[in-house]
N, C-alpha and C. Protein backbone atom coordinates (compact mmCIF):
# COMPACT_ATOMS: atom_id res chain seq x y z
N MET A 1 0.82 -1.21 0.00
CA MET A 1 0.00 0.00 0.00
C MET A 1 0.86 1.27 0.00
N LYS A 2 1.94 1.24 0.82
CA LYS A 2 2.78 2.41 0.88
C LYS A 2 3.44 2.69 -0.46
N ASP A 3 3.88 1.59 -1.13
CA ASP A 3 4.50 1.76 -2.44
C ASP A 3 3.53 2.33 -3.45
N GLU A 4 2.25 1.86 -3.37
CA GLU A 4 1.22 2.37 -4.28
C GLU A 4 0.98 3.85 -4.02
N LYS A 5 0.93 4.22 -2.74
CA LYS A 5 0.68 5.62 -2.40
C LYS A 5 1.83 6.50 -2.87
N LYS A 6 3.06 5.96 -2.69
CA LYS A 6 4.23 6.73 -3.12
C LYS A 6 4.23 6.93 -4.62
N SER A 7 3.91 5.85 -5.37
CA SER A 7 3.92 5.95 -6.82
C SER A 7 2.85 6.89 -7.33
N ALA A 8 1.74 7.00 -6.57
CA ALA A 8 0.64 7.86 -7.00
C ALA A 8 1.04 9.32 -6.99
N VAL A 9 2.02 9.69 -6.15
CA VAL A 9 2.44 11.08 -6.07
C VAL A 9 3.82 11.28 -6.69
N ASP A 10 4.33 10.27 -7.35
CA ASP A 10 5.62 10.37 -8.04
C ASP A 10 5.54 11.52 -9.04
N PRO A 11 6.44 12.50 -8.95
CA PRO A 11 6.42 13.66 -9.86
C PRO A 11 6.43 13.27 -11.33
N ARG A 12 7.10 12.17 -11.65
CA ARG A 12 7.15 11.74 -13.06
C ARG A 12 5.78 11.28 -13.54
N ILE A 13 5.07 10.59 -12.66
CA ILE A 13 3.72 10.13 -13.00
C ILE A 13 2.78 11.33 -13.15
N LEU A 14 2.88 12.26 -12.21
CA LEU A 14 2.04 13.45 -12.27
C LEU A 14 2.33 14.25 -13.54
N ARG A 15 3.61 14.36 -13.88
CA ARG A 15 4.00 15.10 -15.08
C ARG A 15 3.42 14.45 -16.33
N THR A 16 3.51 13.13 -16.41
CA THR A 16 2.98 12.42 -17.57
C THR A 16 1.47 12.60 -17.68
N ARG A 17 0.78 12.51 -16.56
CA ARG A 17 -0.68 12.69 -16.59
C ARG A 17 -1.07 14.10 -16.96
N GLN A 18 -0.25 15.07 -16.55
CA GLN A 18 -0.52 16.46 -16.94
C GLN A 18 -0.35 16.62 -18.45
N LEU A 19 0.65 15.96 -19.01
CA LEU A 19 0.86 16.01 -20.46
C LEU A 19 -0.32 15.38 -21.19
N ILE A 20 -0.79 14.25 -20.68
CA ILE A 20 -1.93 13.57 -21.30
C ILE A 20 -3.18 14.42 -21.20
N ARG A 21 -3.40 15.01 -20.02
CA ARG A 21 -4.58 15.86 -19.85
C ARG A 21 -4.51 17.07 -20.78
N GLY A 22 -3.34 17.68 -20.87
CA GLY A 22 -3.19 18.83 -21.76
C GLY A 22 -3.45 18.46 -23.21
N ALA A 23 -2.96 17.30 -23.61
CA ALA A 23 -3.18 16.84 -24.99
C ALA A 23 -4.66 16.57 -25.23
N PHE A 24 -5.31 15.97 -24.26
CA PHE A 24 -6.75 15.67 -24.35
C PHE A 24 -7.55 16.96 -24.54
N VAL A 25 -7.24 17.97 -23.74
CA VAL A 25 -7.95 19.25 -23.82
C VAL A 25 -7.71 19.92 -25.17
N GLU A 26 -6.47 19.94 -25.61
CA GLU A 26 -6.15 20.57 -26.90
C GLU A 26 -6.88 19.89 -28.05
N LEU A 27 -6.87 18.57 -28.05
CA LEU A 27 -7.52 17.82 -29.14
C LEU A 27 -9.03 18.00 -29.13
N LEU A 28 -9.62 18.09 -27.94
CA LEU A 28 -11.07 18.30 -27.86
C LEU A 28 -11.47 19.66 -28.42
N GLN A 29 -10.55 20.61 -28.39
CA GLN A 29 -10.83 21.92 -28.97
C GLN A 29 -10.80 21.86 -30.50
N GLU A 30 -10.20 20.81 -31.03
CA GLU A 30 -10.01 20.69 -32.47
C GLU A 30 -10.94 19.69 -33.14
N MET A 31 -11.45 18.73 -32.37
CA MET A 31 -12.25 17.66 -32.98
C MET A 31 -13.26 17.09 -32.00
N ASP A 32 -14.25 16.37 -32.54
CA ASP A 32 -15.23 15.69 -31.69
C ASP A 32 -14.56 14.54 -30.96
N ILE A 33 -15.12 14.21 -29.81
CA ILE A 33 -14.51 13.17 -28.99
C ILE A 33 -14.46 11.82 -29.69
N GLU A 34 -15.44 11.59 -30.59
CA GLU A 34 -15.47 10.32 -31.33
C GLU A 34 -14.23 10.14 -32.21
N LYS A 35 -13.60 11.25 -32.58
CA LYS A 35 -12.43 11.18 -33.45
C LYS A 35 -11.12 11.05 -32.69
N LEU A 36 -11.21 11.13 -31.37
CA LEU A 36 -9.99 10.99 -30.56
C LEU A 36 -9.50 9.55 -30.58
N SER A 37 -8.21 9.40 -30.49
CA SER A 37 -7.63 8.06 -30.40
C SER A 37 -6.44 8.12 -29.45
N VAL A 38 -6.05 6.96 -28.95
CA VAL A 38 -4.89 6.90 -28.08
C VAL A 38 -3.65 7.39 -28.82
N ASN A 39 -3.55 7.04 -30.10
CA ASN A 39 -2.41 7.49 -30.90
C ASN A 39 -2.32 9.01 -30.96
N LYS A 40 -3.46 9.66 -31.19
CA LYS A 40 -3.48 11.12 -31.30
C LYS A 40 -3.11 11.76 -29.97
N ILE A 41 -3.66 11.22 -28.89
CA ILE A 41 -3.36 11.78 -27.56
C ILE A 41 -1.89 11.59 -27.22
N ALA A 42 -1.37 10.39 -27.47
CA ALA A 42 0.03 10.10 -27.17
C ALA A 42 0.97 11.00 -27.99
N GLU A 43 0.65 11.15 -29.26
CA GLU A 43 1.49 11.99 -30.13
C GLU A 43 1.49 13.44 -29.65
N ARG A 44 0.30 13.96 -29.32
CA ARG A 44 0.21 15.35 -28.86
C ARG A 44 0.91 15.52 -27.50
N ALA A 45 0.84 14.51 -26.68
CA ALA A 45 1.46 14.57 -25.34
C ALA A 45 2.96 14.28 -25.39
N THR A 46 3.47 13.97 -26.57
CA THR A 46 4.88 13.61 -26.77
C THR A 46 5.30 12.42 -25.91
N ILE A 47 4.41 11.42 -25.87
CA ILE A 47 4.72 10.16 -25.20
C ILE A 47 4.39 9.04 -26.19
N ASN A 48 4.69 7.80 -25.84
CA ASN A 48 4.31 6.70 -26.72
C ASN A 48 3.08 5.98 -26.18
N ARG A 49 2.51 5.12 -26.98
CA ARG A 49 1.29 4.41 -26.59
C ARG A 49 1.49 3.57 -25.33
N VAL A 50 2.65 2.97 -25.23
CA VAL A 50 2.93 2.12 -24.06
C VAL A 50 2.82 2.95 -22.78
N THR A 51 3.36 4.16 -22.82
CA THR A 51 3.29 5.04 -21.65
C THR A 51 1.85 5.38 -21.32
N PHE A 52 1.05 5.66 -22.34
CA PHE A 52 -0.37 5.96 -22.11
C PHE A 52 -1.02 4.79 -21.38
N TYR A 53 -0.79 3.58 -21.86
CA TYR A 53 -1.45 2.41 -21.28
C TYR A 53 -0.92 2.04 -19.90
N LEU A 54 0.18 2.62 -19.50
CA LEU A 54 0.64 2.44 -18.13
C LEU A 54 -0.24 3.20 -17.15
N HIS A 55 -0.94 4.20 -17.68
CA HIS A 55 -1.78 5.05 -16.84
C HIS A 55 -3.27 4.77 -17.00
N TYR A 56 -3.69 4.45 -18.22
CA TYR A 56 -5.12 4.27 -18.50
C TYR A 56 -5.35 3.06 -19.41
N ARG A 57 -6.49 2.41 -19.22
CA ARG A 57 -6.83 1.26 -20.08
C ARG A 57 -7.19 1.70 -21.48
N ASP A 58 -7.94 2.81 -21.55
CA ASP A 58 -8.40 3.35 -22.82
C ASP A 58 -8.87 4.78 -22.59
N ILE A 59 -9.46 5.40 -23.60
CA ILE A 59 -9.89 6.80 -23.46
C ILE A 59 -11.01 6.94 -22.44
N THR A 60 -11.93 5.99 -22.42
CA THR A 60 -13.02 6.04 -21.44
C THR A 60 -12.47 5.99 -20.02
N ASP A 61 -11.54 5.09 -19.77
CA ASP A 61 -10.91 4.99 -18.46
C ASP A 61 -10.18 6.27 -18.11
N MET A 62 -9.53 6.87 -19.10
CA MET A 62 -8.82 8.13 -18.89
C MET A 62 -9.79 9.22 -18.43
N MET A 63 -10.94 9.34 -19.11
CA MET A 63 -11.91 10.37 -18.75
C MET A 63 -12.50 10.12 -17.36
N GLU A 64 -12.76 8.86 -17.04
CA GLU A 64 -13.30 8.54 -15.72
C GLU A 64 -12.31 8.92 -14.62
N LYS A 65 -11.05 8.62 -14.85
CA LYS A 65 -10.03 8.95 -13.84
C LYS A 65 -9.83 10.46 -13.75
N MET A 66 -9.90 11.16 -14.89
CA MET A 66 -9.79 12.62 -14.86
C MET A 66 -10.96 13.23 -14.11
N ALA A 67 -12.16 12.66 -14.32
CA ALA A 67 -13.34 13.15 -13.60
C ALA A 67 -13.20 12.89 -12.11
N ASP A 68 -12.66 11.72 -11.76
CA ASP A 68 -12.41 11.41 -10.34
C ASP A 68 -11.46 12.43 -9.73
N GLU A 69 -10.39 12.75 -10.45
CA GLU A 69 -9.40 13.71 -9.95
C GLU A 69 -10.03 15.10 -9.81
N MET A 70 -10.88 15.47 -10.77
CA MET A 70 -11.56 16.76 -10.70
C MET A 70 -12.41 16.85 -9.44
N ILE A 71 -13.21 15.81 -9.19
CA ILE A 71 -14.09 15.81 -8.03
C ILE A 71 -13.29 15.78 -6.73
N GLU A 72 -12.22 15.01 -6.69
CA GLU A 72 -11.38 14.95 -5.50
C GLU A 72 -10.81 16.33 -5.17
N HIS A 73 -10.39 17.05 -6.19
CA HIS A 73 -9.83 18.39 -5.98
C HIS A 73 -10.91 19.34 -5.47
N ILE A 74 -12.08 19.29 -6.09
CA ILE A 74 -13.17 20.16 -5.67
C ILE A 74 -13.63 19.81 -4.26
N GLU A 75 -13.66 18.52 -3.94
CA GLU A 75 -14.07 18.10 -2.60
C GLU A 75 -13.11 18.62 -1.53
N ARG A 76 -11.82 18.70 -1.87
CA ARG A 76 -10.85 19.25 -0.92
C ARG A 76 -11.16 20.72 -0.63
N ILE A 77 -11.56 21.44 -1.67
CA ILE A 77 -11.94 22.85 -1.48
C ILE A 77 -13.18 22.94 -0.60
N VAL A 78 -14.17 22.11 -0.90
CA VAL A 78 -15.41 22.11 -0.13
C VAL A 78 -15.14 21.75 1.33
N ASP A 79 -14.34 20.72 1.55
CA ASP A 79 -14.03 20.29 2.92
C ASP A 79 -13.33 21.38 3.71
N GLU A 80 -12.52 22.17 3.02
CA GLU A 80 -11.77 23.23 3.70
C GLU A 80 -12.63 24.44 4.02
N TYR A 81 -13.52 24.80 3.09
CA TYR A 81 -14.26 26.05 3.25
C TYR A 81 -15.72 25.90 3.67
N ALA A 82 -16.32 24.73 3.43
CA ALA A 82 -17.72 24.55 3.80
C ALA A 82 -17.98 24.76 5.28
N PRO A 83 -17.09 24.33 6.19
CA PRO A 83 -17.36 24.55 7.62
C PRO A 83 -17.45 26.02 8.00
N HIS A 84 -16.97 26.91 7.12
CA HIS A 84 -16.99 28.33 7.43
C HIS A 84 -18.24 29.04 6.91
N PHE A 85 -19.20 28.24 6.38
CA PHE A 85 -20.46 28.85 5.95
C PHE A 85 -21.06 29.63 7.13
N GLU A 86 -21.56 30.78 6.86
CA GLU A 86 -22.26 31.51 7.92
C GLU A 86 -23.67 30.96 8.01
N LYS A 87 -24.13 30.73 9.24
CA LYS A 87 -25.47 30.20 9.41
C LYS A 87 -26.52 31.26 9.07
N GLN A 88 -26.14 32.53 9.24
CA GLN A 88 -27.08 33.58 8.88
C GLN A 88 -27.09 33.75 7.37
N ARG A 89 -28.27 33.97 6.80
CA ARG A 89 -28.35 34.20 5.36
C ARG A 89 -28.15 35.68 5.08
N THR A 90 -27.02 36.00 4.52
CA THR A 90 -26.71 37.40 4.24
C THR A 90 -26.48 37.56 2.75
N GLU A 91 -26.22 38.78 2.34
CA GLU A 91 -25.96 39.04 0.92
C GLU A 91 -24.47 38.91 0.60
N GLU A 92 -23.68 38.51 1.59
CA GLU A 92 -22.25 38.33 1.34
C GLU A 92 -22.04 37.11 0.45
N ALA A 93 -20.95 37.13 -0.30
CA ALA A 93 -20.66 36.02 -1.20
C ALA A 93 -20.50 34.72 -0.42
N TRP A 94 -20.97 33.66 -1.02
CA TRP A 94 -20.88 32.32 -0.45
C TRP A 94 -19.41 31.90 -0.47
N PRO A 95 -18.72 31.82 0.69
CA PRO A 95 -17.27 31.59 0.71
C PRO A 95 -16.79 30.40 -0.10
N VAL A 96 -17.43 29.24 0.05
CA VAL A 96 -16.96 28.06 -0.66
C VAL A 96 -17.17 28.21 -2.17
N LEU A 97 -18.22 28.93 -2.57
CA LEU A 97 -18.47 29.13 -3.99
C LEU A 97 -17.39 30.02 -4.60
N VAL A 98 -16.95 31.03 -3.85
CA VAL A 98 -15.87 31.88 -4.34
C VAL A 98 -14.63 31.04 -4.63
N LYS A 99 -14.30 30.15 -3.71
CA LYS A 99 -13.11 29.31 -3.88
C LYS A 99 -13.28 28.34 -5.06
N LEU A 100 -14.48 27.81 -5.23
CA LEU A 100 -14.73 26.92 -6.37
C LEU A 100 -14.58 27.67 -7.69
N LEU A 101 -15.14 28.86 -7.75
CA LEU A 101 -15.05 29.66 -8.98
C LEU A 101 -13.61 30.06 -9.26
N GLU A 102 -12.85 30.35 -8.20
CA GLU A 102 -11.43 30.67 -8.39
C GLU A 102 -10.70 29.45 -8.96
N HIS A 103 -11.06 28.27 -8.48
CA HIS A 103 -10.45 27.04 -9.00
C HIS A 103 -10.79 26.86 -10.48
N PHE A 104 -12.05 27.08 -10.86
CA PHE A 104 -12.44 26.96 -12.26
C PHE A 104 -11.68 27.98 -13.12
N ALA A 105 -11.53 29.20 -12.61
CA ALA A 105 -10.83 30.24 -13.36
C ALA A 105 -9.35 29.90 -13.54
N GLU A 106 -8.73 29.36 -12.49
CA GLU A 106 -7.31 29.00 -12.56
C GLU A 106 -7.06 27.84 -13.52
N ASN A 107 -8.09 27.02 -13.73
CA ASN A 107 -7.97 25.87 -14.64
C ASN A 107 -8.94 26.01 -15.80
N ALA A 108 -9.09 27.24 -16.27
CA ALA A 108 -10.10 27.56 -17.28
C ALA A 108 -9.96 26.76 -18.57
N SER A 109 -8.73 26.54 -19.03
CA SER A 109 -8.55 25.83 -20.30
C SER A 109 -9.13 24.42 -20.23
N PHE A 110 -9.04 23.79 -19.06
CA PHE A 110 -9.59 22.45 -18.87
C PHE A 110 -11.11 22.50 -18.76
N TYR A 111 -11.62 23.36 -17.87
CA TYR A 111 -13.06 23.39 -17.63
C TYR A 111 -13.86 23.96 -18.80
N GLN A 112 -13.27 24.88 -19.56
CA GLN A 112 -13.99 25.41 -20.71
C GLN A 112 -14.22 24.35 -21.77
N VAL A 113 -13.41 23.31 -21.75
CA VAL A 113 -13.59 22.21 -22.69
C VAL A 113 -14.49 21.12 -22.11
N VAL A 114 -14.18 20.66 -20.90
CA VAL A 114 -14.91 19.50 -20.36
C VAL A 114 -16.29 19.84 -19.83
N LEU A 115 -16.53 21.12 -19.46
CA LEU A 115 -17.85 21.50 -18.96
C LEU A 115 -18.65 22.30 -19.97
N ALA A 116 -18.00 23.21 -20.67
CA ALA A 116 -18.73 24.17 -21.49
C ALA A 116 -19.00 23.72 -22.92
N THR A 117 -18.41 22.62 -23.37
CA THR A 117 -18.60 22.21 -24.76
C THR A 117 -19.63 21.10 -24.95
N LYS A 118 -20.07 20.49 -23.86
CA LYS A 118 -21.04 19.37 -23.90
C LYS A 118 -20.46 18.12 -24.57
N ARG A 119 -19.16 18.08 -24.77
CA ARG A 119 -18.56 16.93 -25.44
C ARG A 119 -18.23 15.80 -24.47
N THR A 120 -18.13 16.14 -23.19
CA THR A 120 -17.75 15.13 -22.19
C THR A 120 -18.73 15.20 -21.01
N PRO A 121 -19.93 14.66 -21.17
CA PRO A 121 -20.96 14.76 -20.12
C PRO A 121 -20.56 14.15 -18.79
N ILE A 122 -19.61 13.23 -18.77
CA ILE A 122 -19.22 12.61 -17.50
C ILE A 122 -18.76 13.66 -16.49
N PHE A 123 -18.08 14.71 -16.95
CA PHE A 123 -17.59 15.74 -16.04
C PHE A 123 -18.74 16.57 -15.49
N THR A 124 -19.69 16.93 -16.36
CA THR A 124 -20.85 17.71 -15.92
C THR A 124 -21.70 16.91 -14.95
N GLU A 125 -21.90 15.64 -15.23
CA GLU A 125 -22.72 14.79 -14.36
C GLU A 125 -22.09 14.65 -12.98
N ARG A 126 -20.78 14.45 -12.95
CA ARG A 126 -20.09 14.33 -11.66
C ARG A 126 -20.17 15.63 -10.87
N LEU A 127 -19.99 16.75 -11.56
CA LEU A 127 -20.03 18.05 -10.89
C LEU A 127 -21.43 18.35 -10.38
N LEU A 128 -22.45 18.02 -11.17
CA LEU A 128 -23.84 18.26 -10.75
C LEU A 128 -24.15 17.47 -9.48
N LYS A 129 -23.67 16.25 -9.41
CA LYS A 129 -23.89 15.43 -8.22
C LYS A 129 -23.24 16.06 -7.00
N LEU A 130 -22.02 16.56 -7.17
CA LEU A 130 -21.33 17.21 -6.06
C LEU A 130 -22.02 18.50 -5.64
N LEU A 131 -22.46 19.30 -6.62
CA LEU A 131 -23.14 20.55 -6.30
C LEU A 131 -24.46 20.30 -5.59
N SER A 132 -25.13 19.20 -5.93
CA SER A 132 -26.37 18.84 -5.24
C SER A 132 -26.10 18.60 -3.76
N THR A 133 -25.00 17.91 -3.48
CA THR A 133 -24.60 17.67 -2.10
C THR A 133 -24.28 18.98 -1.40
N LEU A 134 -23.63 19.88 -2.12
CA LEU A 134 -23.25 21.18 -1.56
C LEU A 134 -24.49 22.02 -1.24
N VAL A 135 -25.46 22.03 -2.15
CA VAL A 135 -26.69 22.79 -1.93
C VAL A 135 -27.47 22.21 -0.75
N LYS A 136 -27.52 20.90 -0.67
CA LYS A 136 -28.21 20.25 0.46
C LYS A 136 -27.56 20.65 1.78
N ALA A 137 -26.23 20.65 1.81
CA ALA A 137 -25.51 21.03 3.02
C ALA A 137 -25.81 22.48 3.40
N LYS A 138 -25.91 23.34 2.39
CA LYS A 138 -26.22 24.75 2.65
C LYS A 138 -27.62 24.90 3.23
N ILE A 139 -28.58 24.18 2.66
CA ILE A 139 -29.96 24.22 3.16
C ILE A 139 -30.00 23.75 4.61
N ASP A 140 -29.29 22.66 4.90
CA ASP A 140 -29.26 22.13 6.26
C ASP A 140 -28.58 23.10 7.22
N ARG A 141 -27.51 23.72 6.76
CA ARG A 141 -26.73 24.59 7.64
C ARG A 141 -27.51 25.84 8.05
N VAL A 142 -28.26 26.41 7.14
CA VAL A 142 -29.02 27.62 7.48
C VAL A 142 -30.43 27.29 7.93
N GLU A 143 -30.69 25.98 8.14
CA GLU A 143 -31.96 25.51 8.69
C GLU A 143 -33.16 26.00 7.87
N MET A 144 -33.10 25.76 6.57
CA MET A 144 -34.17 26.20 5.67
C MET A 144 -35.26 25.16 5.48
N GLU A 145 -35.04 23.94 5.96
CA GLU A 145 -35.96 22.85 5.64
C GLU A 145 -37.38 23.15 6.11
N ASP A 146 -37.53 23.65 7.34
CA ASP A 146 -38.87 23.96 7.86
C ASP A 146 -39.52 25.07 7.05
N GLU A 147 -38.71 26.06 6.68
CA GLU A 147 -39.22 27.18 5.88
C GLU A 147 -39.69 26.71 4.52
N LEU A 148 -38.92 25.82 3.90
CA LEU A 148 -39.31 25.27 2.61
C LEU A 148 -40.61 24.50 2.72
N GLU A 149 -40.71 23.70 3.78
CA GLU A 149 -41.91 22.89 3.98
C GLU A 149 -43.14 23.77 4.17
N GLU A 150 -42.98 24.85 4.94
CA GLU A 150 -44.10 25.77 5.18
C GLU A 150 -44.53 26.45 3.88
N SER A 151 -43.59 26.62 2.97
CA SER A 151 -43.90 27.25 1.68
C SER A 151 -44.41 26.26 0.65
N GLY A 152 -44.48 24.98 1.05
CA GLY A 152 -44.96 23.96 0.13
C GLY A 152 -43.91 23.50 -0.86
N ILE A 153 -42.64 23.80 -0.56
CA ILE A 153 -41.55 23.43 -1.46
C ILE A 153 -40.87 22.17 -0.93
N HIS A 154 -40.77 21.16 -1.77
CA HIS A 154 -40.09 19.93 -1.37
C HIS A 154 -38.58 20.16 -1.37
N LYS A 155 -37.92 19.70 -0.34
CA LYS A 155 -36.48 19.89 -0.20
C LYS A 155 -35.73 19.33 -1.41
N GLU A 156 -36.12 18.14 -1.86
CA GLU A 156 -35.43 17.51 -2.98
C GLU A 156 -35.51 18.37 -4.24
N ILE A 157 -36.68 18.96 -4.48
CA ILE A 157 -36.86 19.80 -5.67
C ILE A 157 -36.05 21.09 -5.53
N ALA A 158 -35.98 21.62 -4.31
CA ALA A 158 -35.17 22.82 -4.06
C ALA A 158 -33.70 22.53 -4.35
N ILE A 159 -33.25 21.32 -3.99
CA ILE A 159 -31.87 20.92 -4.26
C ILE A 159 -31.63 20.80 -5.76
N TRP A 160 -32.58 20.18 -6.47
CA TRP A 160 -32.46 20.07 -7.93
C TRP A 160 -32.33 21.46 -8.54
N TYR A 161 -33.23 22.34 -8.10
CA TYR A 161 -33.28 23.70 -8.65
C TYR A 161 -31.96 24.43 -8.37
N GLY A 162 -31.53 24.39 -7.12
CA GLY A 162 -30.33 25.11 -6.74
C GLY A 162 -29.08 24.61 -7.44
N SER A 163 -28.91 23.29 -7.50
CA SER A 163 -27.71 22.72 -8.12
C SER A 163 -27.71 22.95 -9.63
N SER A 164 -28.88 22.85 -10.26
CA SER A 164 -28.97 23.09 -11.71
C SER A 164 -28.69 24.55 -12.04
N ALA A 165 -29.17 25.45 -11.18
CA ALA A 165 -28.90 26.88 -11.39
C ALA A 165 -27.41 27.16 -11.26
N LEU A 166 -26.78 26.53 -10.28
CA LEU A 166 -25.34 26.72 -10.08
C LEU A 166 -24.54 26.26 -11.29
N ILE A 167 -24.77 25.01 -11.70
CA ILE A 167 -23.95 24.48 -12.79
C ILE A 167 -24.27 25.18 -14.11
N GLY A 168 -25.53 25.56 -14.31
CA GLY A 168 -25.89 26.27 -15.53
C GLY A 168 -25.21 27.62 -15.62
N THR A 169 -25.14 28.33 -14.50
CA THR A 169 -24.49 29.64 -14.49
C THR A 169 -22.98 29.51 -14.62
N ILE A 170 -22.41 28.50 -13.97
CA ILE A 170 -20.96 28.28 -14.07
C ILE A 170 -20.58 27.98 -15.52
N VAL A 171 -21.36 27.13 -16.18
CA VAL A 171 -21.08 26.78 -17.58
C VAL A 171 -21.20 28.02 -18.47
N ALA A 172 -22.25 28.83 -18.26
CA ALA A 172 -22.42 30.05 -19.06
C ALA A 172 -21.26 31.01 -18.82
N TRP A 173 -20.83 31.11 -17.59
CA TRP A 173 -19.69 31.96 -17.22
C TRP A 173 -18.43 31.52 -17.95
N LEU A 174 -18.19 30.21 -17.98
CA LEU A 174 -17.02 29.68 -18.68
C LEU A 174 -17.12 29.91 -20.19
N ARG A 175 -18.32 29.68 -20.75
CA ARG A 175 -18.50 29.85 -22.20
C ARG A 175 -18.28 31.29 -22.63
N ASN A 176 -18.56 32.22 -21.74
CA ASN A 176 -18.41 33.64 -22.06
C ASN A 176 -17.07 34.20 -21.59
N ASP A 177 -16.11 33.30 -21.40
CA ASP A 177 -14.75 33.70 -21.01
C ASP A 177 -14.70 34.45 -19.68
N MET A 178 -15.54 34.04 -18.75
CA MET A 178 -15.51 34.52 -17.37
C MET A 178 -15.47 36.05 -17.28
N PRO A 179 -16.53 36.73 -17.74
CA PRO A 179 -16.53 38.19 -17.73
C PRO A 179 -16.62 38.82 -16.34
N TYR A 180 -16.97 38.02 -15.34
CA TYR A 180 -17.08 38.51 -13.97
C TYR A 180 -16.09 37.78 -13.07
N SER A 181 -15.63 38.47 -12.04
CA SER A 181 -14.70 37.84 -11.10
C SER A 181 -15.43 36.78 -10.28
N PRO A 182 -14.70 35.79 -9.75
CA PRO A 182 -15.34 34.77 -8.91
C PRO A 182 -16.12 35.36 -7.74
N HIS A 183 -15.55 36.37 -7.08
CA HIS A 183 -16.23 36.96 -5.93
C HIS A 183 -17.52 37.66 -6.36
N PHE A 184 -17.46 38.39 -7.47
CA PHE A 184 -18.66 39.10 -7.94
C PHE A 184 -19.76 38.10 -8.31
N LEU A 185 -19.39 37.04 -9.03
CA LEU A 185 -20.39 36.06 -9.45
C LEU A 185 -20.99 35.35 -8.24
N ALA A 186 -20.16 35.00 -7.27
CA ALA A 186 -20.67 34.34 -6.06
C ALA A 186 -21.63 35.26 -5.31
N LYS A 187 -21.31 36.55 -5.27
CA LYS A 187 -22.20 37.49 -4.59
C LYS A 187 -23.52 37.63 -5.34
N GLN A 188 -23.47 37.56 -6.67
CA GLN A 188 -24.70 37.61 -7.45
C GLN A 188 -25.61 36.44 -7.11
N PHE A 189 -25.03 35.26 -6.90
CA PHE A 189 -25.83 34.11 -6.48
C PHE A 189 -26.54 34.42 -5.17
N SER A 190 -25.80 35.00 -4.23
CA SER A 190 -26.39 35.32 -2.93
C SER A 190 -27.52 36.34 -3.06
N LEU A 191 -27.32 37.33 -3.92
CA LEU A 191 -28.34 38.36 -4.12
C LEU A 191 -29.59 37.77 -4.77
N ILE A 192 -29.38 36.95 -5.80
CA ILE A 192 -30.51 36.33 -6.49
C ILE A 192 -31.30 35.46 -5.53
N ARG A 193 -30.57 34.74 -4.66
CA ARG A 193 -31.22 33.84 -3.71
C ARG A 193 -32.10 34.61 -2.72
N SER A 194 -31.77 35.90 -2.52
CA SER A 194 -32.54 36.70 -1.56
C SER A 194 -33.87 37.17 -2.14
N TYR A 195 -34.06 37.02 -3.47
CA TYR A 195 -35.31 37.40 -4.10
C TYR A 195 -36.23 36.20 -4.23
N SER A 196 -37.50 36.47 -4.39
CA SER A 196 -38.46 35.39 -4.57
C SER A 196 -38.20 34.68 -5.88
N TYR A 197 -38.19 33.34 -5.86
CA TYR A 197 -38.00 32.57 -7.09
C TYR A 197 -39.11 32.88 -8.11
N ASN A 198 -40.28 33.26 -7.61
CA ASN A 198 -41.39 33.56 -8.52
C ASN A 198 -41.07 34.74 -9.43
N ASP A 199 -40.18 35.62 -8.95
CA ASP A 199 -39.83 36.79 -9.74
C ASP A 199 -38.78 36.47 -10.80
N LEU A 200 -38.20 35.26 -10.73
CA LEU A 200 -37.10 34.91 -11.62
C LEU A 200 -37.50 33.97 -12.74
N ILE A 201 -38.70 33.45 -12.70
CA ILE A 201 -39.14 32.46 -13.69
C ILE A 201 -40.26 33.04 -14.55
């Protein structure tokens, strides 16, 4: 186990995976995913096929592992900042959302391809699942469940609505080359949430 853990953080392995990921992103900007091949990825990454197969079984396995890595990274951000949610509902920017948006901005070339192009739904599906968990945690933390019930709103539907709004806005933000700062966009979410949903639909 220790050897496996050590190899997982080996700088050479990380470097090779970064090259593969970079090649994958570049090629997706040029062609449909159906036209991708291990040969094309390996050539663009300046590695050989054997090296690719040391890391991934095939392209599907590569995308699944990349999606896993994406979620693991985002979960680390959530774990670090979610406990600092304020229980009071204010118009201040949602702290964990600011950090998530900063992460997306710092890795824009990757996310603008895997989230904003609709070519790799596995990434969007994984992120939506995580955001649903995040919205649920926010509802629980500010004790909104009773208020939702009194308003005739089912908690599950509120979670669907909130997570879909989040991912939809994040994708639009990425597609438009992030015209707003992470803090500004996060604060806009907080402001919108303070208005009646009936006024927004």
